Amino acid sequence: MLATLLALAACAGAPAPAYQPGVANLLALRAGTAPIGVDDFAAEDGINDRRLGLRADSMTGAGSDGAFSTYLQQALEKELRNAGRLDDAAGLRLSGTLTENRLDASGFSVGHASVGARFVLTRDGRVLYDKLHSVDHEWASSFIGALAIPAATQGYSATVQKLIGQLFDDPAFVEATR
């Protein structure tokens, strides 16, 4: 009976967790970034923007519209809002394109995600910053799906946080936002 319950728990569906801003990202933004508005994000053709496999299940519903590109956009908005740097009327506008989106929870002891995006920062239509960023992230996983799947959803969110941190720490981005 325990084995049946574990199997059912592992197949219950896994929504993407709510994104949590990071302390390192907060500190990077407060170091001198001007207010920024965030425009729509999209996914590059061929990028899995709606569903990522999690063993026998999947993770969906990442953004408010069910897209992972929107999840990234909303994560950036949360980071900027948390630092007091989000301004919908700002002349600085950040947009982007999801270029990589992979999640692997099939390992018995390690999970892995890769997320990449091209970020474009403009002021009055003039491009100030246009760069591709990509990160890989690993986390402890488990043979038991009921443990591995929640770890994978949290691991994915941590991967997005690392990607955003890479953007905020880029000296060229910092200079463009002053």
N, C-alpha and C. Protein backbone atom coordinates (compact mmCIF):
# COMPACT_ATOMS: atom_id res chain seq x y z
N MET A 1 0.81 -1.18 0.00
CA MET A 1 0.00 0.00 0.00
C MET A 1 0.87 1.27 0.00
N LEU A 2 1.97 1.25 0.76
CA LEU A 2 2.88 2.39 0.79
C LEU A 2 3.47 2.65 -0.59
N ALA A 3 3.84 1.60 -1.29
CA ALA A 3 4.40 1.76 -2.64
C ALA A 3 3.37 2.39 -3.57
N THR A 4 2.11 2.01 -3.46
CA THR A 4 1.05 2.59 -4.29
C THR A 4 0.88 4.08 -3.98
N LEU A 5 0.88 4.45 -2.71
CA LEU A 5 0.75 5.85 -2.33
C LEU A 5 1.92 6.69 -2.84
N LEU A 6 3.12 6.14 -2.75
CA LEU A 6 4.29 6.86 -3.26
C LEU A 6 4.21 7.04 -4.77
N ALA A 7 3.76 6.01 -5.47
CA ALA A 7 3.62 6.10 -6.92
C ALA A 7 2.57 7.14 -7.29
N LEU A 8 1.44 7.17 -6.59
CA LEU A 8 0.40 8.14 -6.89
C LEU A 8 0.86 9.56 -6.58
N ALA A 9 1.58 9.74 -5.50
CA ALA A 9 2.08 11.06 -5.13
C ALA A 9 3.06 11.58 -6.18
N ALA A 10 3.80 10.69 -6.78
CA ALA A 10 4.79 11.08 -7.78
C ALA A 10 4.13 11.48 -9.09
N CYS A 11 2.88 11.14 -9.31
CA CYS A 11 2.21 11.41 -10.58
C CYS A 11 1.10 12.45 -10.44
N ALA A 12 1.08 13.20 -9.37
CA ALA A 12 -0.02 14.11 -9.09
C ALA A 12 0.06 15.42 -9.87
N GLY A 13 1.11 15.67 -10.59
CA GLY A 13 1.27 16.92 -11.31
C GLY A 13 2.06 17.90 -10.46
N ALA A 14 2.92 18.66 -11.09
CA ALA A 14 3.78 19.56 -10.34
C ALA A 14 3.75 20.95 -10.97
N PRO A 15 2.99 21.85 -10.38
CA PRO A 15 3.04 23.22 -10.89
C PRO A 15 4.37 23.86 -10.52
N ALA A 16 4.82 24.78 -11.33
CA ALA A 16 6.04 25.50 -11.01
C ALA A 16 5.83 26.29 -9.72
N PRO A 17 6.83 26.31 -8.86
CA PRO A 17 6.66 27.03 -7.59
C PRO A 17 6.66 28.53 -7.81
N ALA A 18 6.10 29.26 -6.89
CA ALA A 18 6.16 30.72 -6.94
C ALA A 18 7.63 31.14 -6.85
N TYR A 19 8.01 32.06 -7.69
CA TYR A 19 9.40 32.52 -7.71
C TYR A 19 9.68 33.35 -6.47
N GLN A 20 10.85 33.12 -5.86
CA GLN A 20 11.29 33.86 -4.69
C GLN A 20 12.54 34.67 -5.04
N PRO A 21 12.50 36.00 -4.89
CA PRO A 21 13.68 36.81 -5.18
C PRO A 21 14.87 36.42 -4.29
N GLY A 22 16.07 36.60 -4.82
CA GLY A 22 17.28 36.24 -4.10
C GLY A 22 17.96 37.43 -3.44
N VAL A 23 18.60 37.20 -2.33
CA VAL A 23 19.30 38.26 -1.59
C VAL A 23 20.44 38.83 -2.43
N ALA A 24 21.20 37.96 -3.10
CA ALA A 24 22.32 38.44 -3.93
C ALA A 24 21.80 39.34 -5.05
N ASN A 25 20.67 38.99 -5.62
CA ASN A 25 20.09 39.81 -6.68
C ASN A 25 19.64 41.17 -6.14
N LEU A 26 19.07 41.16 -4.95
CA LEU A 26 18.64 42.40 -4.30
C LEU A 26 19.84 43.33 -4.10
N LEU A 27 20.93 42.78 -3.59
CA LEU A 27 22.13 43.58 -3.35
C LEU A 27 22.71 44.12 -4.65
N ALA A 28 22.72 43.31 -5.69
CA ALA A 28 23.25 43.75 -6.99
C ALA A 28 22.41 44.91 -7.54
N LEU A 29 21.10 44.81 -7.43
CA LEU A 29 20.23 45.86 -7.96
C LEU A 29 20.33 47.15 -7.15
N ARG A 30 20.48 47.02 -5.86
CA ARG A 30 20.54 48.22 -5.00
C ARG A 30 21.88 48.94 -5.12
N ALA A 31 22.84 48.33 -5.81
CA ALA A 31 24.17 48.93 -5.94
C ALA A 31 24.20 50.08 -6.95
N GLY A 32 23.07 50.42 -7.55
CA GLY A 32 23.09 51.58 -8.43
C GLY A 32 22.26 51.46 -9.69
N THR A 33 21.43 50.46 -9.79
CA THR A 33 20.61 50.29 -10.98
C THR A 33 19.48 51.33 -11.01
N ALA A 34 19.29 51.97 -12.15
CA ALA A 34 18.19 52.91 -12.33
C ALA A 34 16.88 52.13 -12.44
N PRO A 35 15.75 52.80 -12.27
CA PRO A 35 14.46 52.11 -12.44
C PRO A 35 14.32 51.53 -13.85
N ILE A 36 13.73 50.35 -13.91
CA ILE A 36 13.59 49.61 -15.17
C ILE A 36 12.14 49.14 -15.31
N GLY A 37 11.61 49.22 -16.52
CA GLY A 37 10.32 48.62 -16.84
C GLY A 37 10.58 47.31 -17.56
N VAL A 38 9.70 46.34 -17.38
CA VAL A 38 9.87 45.03 -18.01
C VAL A 38 8.78 44.84 -19.05
N ASP A 39 9.21 44.55 -20.26
CA ASP A 39 8.29 44.27 -21.36
C ASP A 39 8.10 42.76 -21.50
N ASP A 40 7.27 42.37 -22.45
CA ASP A 40 6.96 40.96 -22.63
C ASP A 40 8.18 40.15 -23.04
N PHE A 41 8.21 38.92 -22.54
CA PHE A 41 9.22 37.94 -22.91
C PHE A 41 8.53 36.88 -23.78
N ALA A 42 9.29 36.25 -24.64
CA ALA A 42 8.78 35.19 -25.51
C ALA A 42 9.81 34.07 -25.54
N ALA A 43 9.45 32.98 -26.17
CA ALA A 43 10.38 31.86 -26.33
C ALA A 43 10.81 31.77 -27.79
N GLU A 44 12.06 31.44 -28.00
CA GLU A 44 12.58 31.20 -29.33
C GLU A 44 11.85 30.00 -29.94
N ASP A 45 11.70 29.99 -31.25
CA ASP A 45 11.08 28.84 -31.92
C ASP A 45 11.81 27.56 -31.54
N GLY A 46 11.04 26.52 -31.24
CA GLY A 46 11.60 25.22 -30.90
C GLY A 46 11.93 25.03 -29.43
N ILE A 47 11.79 26.08 -28.62
CA ILE A 47 12.06 25.98 -27.19
C ILE A 47 10.79 25.54 -26.48
N ASN A 48 10.95 24.59 -25.58
CA ASN A 48 9.80 24.09 -24.83
C ASN A 48 9.37 25.15 -23.82
N ASP A 49 8.29 25.84 -24.13
CA ASP A 49 7.84 26.97 -23.31
C ASP A 49 6.62 26.64 -22.45
N ARG A 50 6.07 25.44 -22.59
CA ARG A 50 4.82 25.13 -21.89
C ARG A 50 4.88 23.95 -20.93
N ARG A 51 5.74 22.98 -21.19
CA ARG A 51 5.73 21.76 -20.38
C ARG A 51 7.13 21.17 -20.32
N LEU A 52 7.58 20.88 -19.10
CA LEU A 52 8.86 20.21 -18.92
C LEU A 52 8.61 18.87 -18.23
N GLY A 53 9.24 17.82 -18.74
CA GLY A 53 9.05 16.49 -18.19
C GLY A 53 9.68 16.34 -16.81
N LEU A 54 8.93 15.66 -15.94
CA LEU A 54 9.41 15.31 -14.59
C LEU A 54 9.12 13.84 -14.38
N ARG A 55 10.05 13.01 -14.77
CA ARG A 55 9.87 11.56 -14.71
C ARG A 55 8.60 11.19 -15.45
N ALA A 56 7.62 10.58 -14.80
CA ALA A 56 6.38 10.19 -15.47
C ALA A 56 5.37 11.33 -15.48
N ASP A 57 5.74 12.48 -14.97
CA ASP A 57 4.84 13.62 -14.85
C ASP A 57 5.43 14.80 -15.61
N SER A 58 4.91 15.99 -15.38
CA SER A 58 5.45 17.19 -16.00
C SER A 58 5.20 18.40 -15.12
N MET A 59 5.94 19.47 -15.41
CA MET A 59 5.75 20.74 -14.73
C MET A 59 5.17 21.70 -15.76
N THR A 60 4.07 22.32 -15.43
CA THR A 60 3.41 23.27 -16.31
C THR A 60 2.98 24.49 -15.52
N GLY A 61 2.38 25.43 -16.22
CA GLY A 61 1.80 26.58 -15.55
C GLY A 61 2.80 27.49 -14.88
N ALA A 62 3.96 27.64 -15.48
CA ALA A 62 5.01 28.41 -14.82
C ALA A 62 4.71 29.90 -14.76
N GLY A 63 4.24 30.48 -15.84
CA GLY A 63 3.90 31.91 -15.83
C GLY A 63 2.40 32.07 -15.69
N SER A 64 1.94 33.29 -15.59
CA SER A 64 0.51 33.52 -15.44
C SER A 64 -0.27 33.02 -16.65
N ASP A 65 0.39 32.89 -17.79
CA ASP A 65 -0.26 32.36 -19.00
C ASP A 65 0.16 30.92 -19.29
N GLY A 66 0.86 30.29 -18.36
CA GLY A 66 1.31 28.91 -18.54
C GLY A 66 2.61 28.78 -19.30
N ALA A 67 3.31 29.88 -19.54
CA ALA A 67 4.56 29.83 -20.31
C ALA A 67 5.76 30.07 -19.40
N PHE A 68 6.84 29.36 -19.68
CA PHE A 68 8.07 29.55 -18.92
C PHE A 68 8.72 30.89 -19.24
N SER A 69 8.55 31.39 -20.46
CA SER A 69 9.08 32.72 -20.79
C SER A 69 8.40 33.79 -19.93
N THR A 70 7.12 33.63 -19.67
CA THR A 70 6.41 34.56 -18.80
C THR A 70 6.86 34.40 -17.36
N TYR A 71 7.17 33.16 -16.96
CA TYR A 71 7.72 32.92 -15.61
C TYR A 71 9.00 33.71 -15.42
N LEU A 72 9.88 33.70 -16.43
CA LEU A 72 11.13 34.46 -16.36
C LEU A 72 10.83 35.96 -16.29
N GLN A 73 9.93 36.44 -17.11
CA GLN A 73 9.53 37.86 -17.09
C GLN A 73 9.02 38.25 -15.72
N GLN A 74 8.12 37.45 -15.16
CA GLN A 74 7.54 37.77 -13.86
C GLN A 74 8.55 37.64 -12.73
N ALA A 75 9.52 36.73 -12.89
CA ALA A 75 10.60 36.62 -11.90
C ALA A 75 11.45 37.90 -11.91
N LEU A 76 11.75 38.42 -13.08
CA LEU A 76 12.50 39.67 -13.17
C LEU A 76 11.72 40.82 -12.54
N GLU A 77 10.43 40.86 -12.79
CA GLU A 77 9.60 41.90 -12.18
C GLU A 77 9.63 41.80 -10.66
N LYS A 78 9.56 40.59 -10.13
CA LYS A 78 9.62 40.41 -8.68
C LYS A 78 10.96 40.87 -8.11
N GLU A 79 12.05 40.53 -8.81
CA GLU A 79 13.38 40.94 -8.35
C GLU A 79 13.49 42.46 -8.34
N LEU A 80 13.05 43.11 -9.42
CA LEU A 80 13.13 44.56 -9.51
C LEU A 80 12.22 45.23 -8.49
N ARG A 81 11.01 44.69 -8.31
CA ARG A 81 10.07 45.24 -7.32
C ARG A 81 10.66 45.11 -5.91
N ASN A 82 11.25 43.96 -5.62
CA ASN A 82 11.85 43.70 -4.31
C ASN A 82 12.95 44.71 -3.99
N ALA A 83 13.68 45.15 -5.02
CA ALA A 83 14.78 46.10 -4.83
C ALA A 83 14.32 47.55 -4.98
N GLY A 84 13.03 47.76 -5.25
CA GLY A 84 12.54 49.11 -5.45
C GLY A 84 12.98 49.71 -6.78
N ARG A 85 13.25 48.86 -7.77
CA ARG A 85 13.75 49.33 -9.07
C ARG A 85 12.77 49.08 -10.23
N LEU A 86 11.59 48.53 -9.96
CA LEU A 86 10.60 48.30 -11.02
C LEU A 86 9.78 49.56 -11.20
N ASP A 87 9.72 50.05 -12.45
CA ASP A 87 8.92 51.22 -12.77
C ASP A 87 8.33 51.02 -14.16
N ASP A 88 7.02 50.81 -14.22
CA ASP A 88 6.37 50.55 -15.51
C ASP A 88 6.49 51.72 -16.48
N ALA A 89 6.74 52.92 -15.97
CA ALA A 89 6.85 54.10 -16.83
C ALA A 89 8.31 54.47 -17.13
N ALA A 90 9.25 53.66 -16.69
CA ALA A 90 10.67 53.97 -16.88
C ALA A 90 11.05 53.99 -18.35
N GLY A 91 12.02 54.85 -18.67
CA GLY A 91 12.55 54.89 -20.04
C GLY A 91 13.40 53.68 -20.36
N LEU A 92 14.03 53.09 -19.33
CA LEU A 92 14.79 51.85 -19.52
C LEU A 92 13.79 50.70 -19.59
N ARG A 93 13.87 49.89 -20.65
CA ARG A 93 12.93 48.78 -20.86
C ARG A 93 13.73 47.50 -21.05
N LEU A 94 13.37 46.46 -20.31
CA LEU A 94 14.03 45.16 -20.41
C LEU A 94 13.06 44.17 -21.03
N SER A 95 13.51 43.50 -22.07
CA SER A 95 12.73 42.44 -22.70
C SER A 95 13.66 41.25 -22.92
N GLY A 96 13.09 40.15 -23.38
CA GLY A 96 13.95 38.99 -23.58
C GLY A 96 13.29 37.86 -24.32
N THR A 97 14.12 36.90 -24.67
CA THR A 97 13.69 35.70 -25.38
C THR A 97 14.32 34.49 -24.70
N LEU A 98 13.48 33.55 -24.30
CA LEU A 98 13.95 32.29 -23.72
C LEU A 98 14.61 31.48 -24.83
N THR A 99 15.88 31.12 -24.65
CA THR A 99 16.63 30.41 -25.69
C THR A 99 16.97 28.97 -25.32
N GLU A 100 16.81 28.64 -24.05
CA GLU A 100 17.11 27.29 -23.56
C GLU A 100 16.22 27.03 -22.36
N ASN A 101 15.66 25.83 -22.27
CA ASN A 101 14.76 25.51 -21.17
C ASN A 101 14.69 24.00 -21.00
N ARG A 102 15.54 23.46 -20.13
CA ARG A 102 15.59 22.01 -19.92
C ARG A 102 15.57 21.67 -18.45
N LEU A 103 14.91 20.58 -18.15
CA LEU A 103 14.83 20.08 -16.78
C LEU A 103 14.97 18.57 -16.83
N ASP A 104 15.87 18.02 -16.02
CA ASP A 104 16.09 16.57 -15.98
C ASP A 104 16.06 16.10 -14.54
N ALA A 105 15.00 15.38 -14.21
CA ALA A 105 14.85 14.82 -12.86
C ALA A 105 14.94 13.30 -12.90
N SER A 106 15.54 12.76 -13.97
CA SER A 106 15.57 11.30 -14.12
C SER A 106 16.67 10.63 -13.32
N GLY A 107 17.66 11.40 -12.87
CA GLY A 107 18.75 10.81 -12.09
C GLY A 107 18.29 10.37 -10.72
N PHE A 108 18.94 9.36 -10.18
CA PHE A 108 18.57 8.83 -8.87
C PHE A 108 19.11 9.67 -7.72
N SER A 109 20.16 10.46 -7.98
CA SER A 109 20.74 11.25 -6.88
C SER A 109 20.95 12.72 -7.22
N VAL A 110 20.89 13.07 -8.51
CA VAL A 110 21.14 14.46 -8.93
C VAL A 110 20.11 14.86 -9.99
N GLY A 111 19.55 16.07 -9.82
CA GLY A 111 18.69 16.67 -10.83
C GLY A 111 19.45 17.79 -11.52
N HIS A 112 19.01 18.17 -12.71
CA HIS A 112 19.74 19.17 -13.50
C HIS A 112 18.76 20.01 -14.30
N ALA A 113 19.05 21.30 -14.40
CA ALA A 113 18.28 22.20 -15.26
C ALA A 113 19.24 23.14 -15.99
N SER A 114 18.85 23.53 -17.19
CA SER A 114 19.58 24.53 -17.98
C SER A 114 18.55 25.53 -18.49
N VAL A 115 18.82 26.80 -18.24
CA VAL A 115 17.93 27.86 -18.71
C VAL A 115 18.80 28.96 -19.32
N GLY A 116 18.38 29.46 -20.47
CA GLY A 116 19.10 30.54 -21.13
C GLY A 116 18.14 31.54 -21.71
N ALA A 117 18.60 32.78 -21.85
CA ALA A 117 17.77 33.82 -22.43
C ALA A 117 18.64 34.92 -23.02
N ARG A 118 18.11 35.56 -24.03
CA ARG A 118 18.72 36.77 -24.57
C ARG A 118 17.98 37.94 -23.94
N PHE A 119 18.74 38.81 -23.28
CA PHE A 119 18.16 39.98 -22.61
C PHE A 119 18.50 41.22 -23.42
N VAL A 120 17.51 42.07 -23.62
CA VAL A 120 17.70 43.31 -24.38
C VAL A 120 17.19 44.47 -23.53
N LEU A 121 18.08 45.44 -23.30
CA LEU A 121 17.74 46.63 -22.55
C LEU A 121 17.76 47.82 -23.51
N THR A 122 16.67 48.58 -23.55
CA THR A 122 16.58 49.74 -24.44
C THR A 122 16.22 50.99 -23.66
N ARG A 123 16.55 52.12 -24.26
CA ARG A 123 16.10 53.42 -23.75
C ARG A 123 15.61 54.20 -24.97
N ASP A 124 14.33 54.53 -24.95
CA ASP A 124 13.72 55.26 -26.06
C ASP A 124 13.97 54.56 -27.40
N GLY A 125 13.88 53.24 -27.42
CA GLY A 125 14.03 52.47 -28.64
C GLY A 125 15.47 52.18 -29.04
N ARG A 126 16.44 52.74 -28.34
CA ARG A 126 17.85 52.52 -28.65
C ARG A 126 18.39 51.40 -27.77
N VAL A 127 19.01 50.40 -28.39
CA VAL A 127 19.51 49.24 -27.66
C VAL A 127 20.79 49.62 -26.91
N LEU A 128 20.74 49.41 -25.59
CA LEU A 128 21.90 49.67 -24.74
C LEU A 128 22.63 48.39 -24.35
N TYR A 129 21.90 47.29 -24.36
CA TYR A 129 22.44 46.00 -23.91
C TYR A 129 21.69 44.90 -24.63
N ASP A 130 22.43 43.95 -25.20
CA ASP A 130 21.82 42.81 -25.89
C ASP A 130 22.79 41.65 -25.74
N LYS A 131 22.43 40.71 -24.85
CA LYS A 131 23.38 39.64 -24.56
C LYS A 131 22.64 38.36 -24.19
N LEU A 132 23.24 37.25 -24.58
CA LEU A 132 22.73 35.93 -24.25
C LEU A 132 23.38 35.45 -22.96
N HIS A 133 22.55 34.96 -22.04
CA HIS A 133 23.03 34.38 -20.79
C HIS A 133 22.47 32.97 -20.68
N SER A 134 23.24 32.07 -20.06
CA SER A 134 22.80 30.69 -19.89
C SER A 134 23.42 30.14 -18.60
N VAL A 135 22.62 29.38 -17.87
CA VAL A 135 23.12 28.76 -16.63
C VAL A 135 22.69 27.30 -16.56
N ASP A 136 23.51 26.54 -15.86
CA ASP A 136 23.21 25.15 -15.50
C ASP A 136 23.16 25.09 -13.99
N HIS A 137 22.31 24.22 -13.48
CA HIS A 137 22.19 24.09 -12.03
C HIS A 137 21.89 22.63 -11.69
N GLU A 138 22.53 22.12 -10.64
CA GLU A 138 22.27 20.76 -10.15
C GLU A 138 21.83 20.81 -8.71
N TRP A 139 21.07 19.81 -8.29
CA TRP A 139 20.60 19.72 -6.91
C TRP A 139 20.50 18.25 -6.53
N ALA A 140 20.45 18.00 -5.23
CA ALA A 140 20.29 16.63 -4.74
C ALA A 140 18.89 16.14 -5.08
N SER A 141 18.80 14.93 -5.59
CA SER A 141 17.53 14.34 -5.96
C SER A 141 17.36 13.02 -5.22
N SER A 142 16.38 12.24 -5.63
CA SER A 142 16.09 10.99 -4.95
C SER A 142 15.54 9.98 -5.95
N PHE A 143 15.69 8.71 -5.61
CA PHE A 143 15.08 7.63 -6.38
C PHE A 143 13.55 7.70 -6.28
N ILE A 144 13.06 8.16 -5.13
CA ILE A 144 11.62 8.21 -4.87
C ILE A 144 11.03 9.45 -5.52
N GLY A 145 10.09 9.24 -6.44
CA GLY A 145 9.49 10.34 -7.18
C GLY A 145 8.84 11.39 -6.30
N ALA A 146 8.23 10.97 -5.21
CA ALA A 146 7.56 11.92 -4.30
C ALA A 146 8.55 12.90 -3.68
N LEU A 147 9.82 12.55 -3.66
CA LEU A 147 10.85 13.45 -3.17
C LEU A 147 11.55 14.17 -4.33
N ALA A 148 11.75 13.46 -5.43
CA ALA A 148 12.50 14.01 -6.56
C ALA A 148 11.73 15.11 -7.29
N ILE A 149 10.42 14.96 -7.43
CA ILE A 149 9.65 15.94 -8.20
C ILE A 149 9.60 17.30 -7.51
N PRO A 150 9.29 17.38 -6.21
CA PRO A 150 9.34 18.70 -5.57
C PRO A 150 10.75 19.31 -5.59
N ALA A 151 11.76 18.46 -5.45
CA ALA A 151 13.14 18.96 -5.52
C ALA A 151 13.43 19.54 -6.91
N ALA A 152 12.89 18.92 -7.95
CA ALA A 152 13.10 19.40 -9.32
C ALA A 152 12.39 20.73 -9.56
N THR A 153 11.19 20.88 -9.04
CA THR A 153 10.49 22.15 -9.24
C THR A 153 11.23 23.29 -8.53
N GLN A 154 11.73 23.03 -7.33
CA GLN A 154 12.52 24.03 -6.62
C GLN A 154 13.86 24.27 -7.32
N GLY A 155 14.44 23.19 -7.86
CA GLY A 155 15.69 23.32 -8.59
C GLY A 155 15.53 24.17 -9.83
N TYR A 156 14.39 24.04 -10.51
CA TYR A 156 14.14 24.87 -11.70
C TYR A 156 14.06 26.34 -11.31
N SER A 157 13.33 26.64 -10.25
CA SER A 157 13.20 28.02 -9.77
C SER A 157 14.57 28.59 -9.39
N ALA A 158 15.40 27.79 -8.75
CA ALA A 158 16.76 28.22 -8.38
C ALA A 158 17.60 28.49 -9.63
N THR A 159 17.37 27.73 -10.69
CA THR A 159 18.09 27.93 -11.94
C THR A 159 17.72 29.28 -12.55
N VAL A 160 16.45 29.61 -12.53
CA VAL A 160 15.99 30.91 -13.03
C VAL A 160 16.61 32.03 -12.19
N GLN A 161 16.66 31.85 -10.89
CA GLN A 161 17.27 32.85 -10.00
C GLN A 161 18.74 33.05 -10.34
N LYS A 162 19.46 31.96 -10.65
CA LYS A 162 20.87 32.06 -11.04
C LYS A 162 21.02 32.81 -12.36
N LEU A 163 20.11 32.55 -13.31
CA LEU A 163 20.16 33.23 -14.60
C LEU A 163 19.98 34.73 -14.42
N ILE A 164 19.01 35.11 -13.61
CA ILE A 164 18.77 36.53 -13.34
C ILE A 164 19.97 37.14 -12.63
N GLY A 165 20.56 36.41 -11.70
CA GLY A 165 21.76 36.89 -11.02
C GLY A 165 22.91 37.11 -11.98
N GLN A 166 23.06 36.23 -12.95
CA GLN A 166 24.12 36.39 -13.95
C GLN A 166 23.91 37.68 -14.74
N LEU A 167 22.65 37.98 -15.08
CA LEU A 167 22.34 39.23 -15.78
C LEU A 167 22.69 40.43 -14.90
N PHE A 168 22.21 40.44 -13.68
CA PHE A 168 22.41 41.58 -12.78
C PHE A 168 23.88 41.79 -12.42
N ASP A 169 24.69 40.74 -12.47
CA ASP A 169 26.12 40.85 -12.14
C ASP A 169 26.99 41.19 -13.35
N ASP A 170 26.42 41.19 -14.54
CA ASP A 170 27.19 41.49 -15.74
C ASP A 170 27.58 42.97 -15.74
N PRO A 171 28.88 43.28 -15.75
CA PRO A 171 29.32 44.68 -15.73
C PRO A 171 28.73 45.53 -16.87
N ALA A 172 28.53 44.93 -18.03
CA ALA A 172 27.94 45.67 -19.14
C ALA A 172 26.48 46.03 -18.86
N PHE A 173 25.74 45.13 -18.19
CA PHE A 173 24.36 45.42 -17.81
C PHE A 173 24.34 46.51 -16.73
N VAL A 174 25.21 46.40 -15.77
CA VAL A 174 25.29 47.40 -14.69
C VAL A 174 25.56 48.77 -15.29
N GLU A 175 26.50 48.84 -16.21
CA GLU A 175 26.83 50.14 -16.84
C GLU A 175 25.65 50.68 -17.65
N ALA A 176 24.95 49.81 -18.34
CA ALA A 176 23.80 50.24 -19.16
C ALA A 176 22.63 50.72 -18.32
N THR A 177 22.56 50.30 -17.06
CA THR A 177 21.43 50.68 -16.22
C THR A 177 21.73 51.88 -15.32
N ARG A 178 22.86 52.46 -15.44
CA ARG A 178 23.20 53.63 -14.59
C ARG A 178 22.60 54.90 -15.16
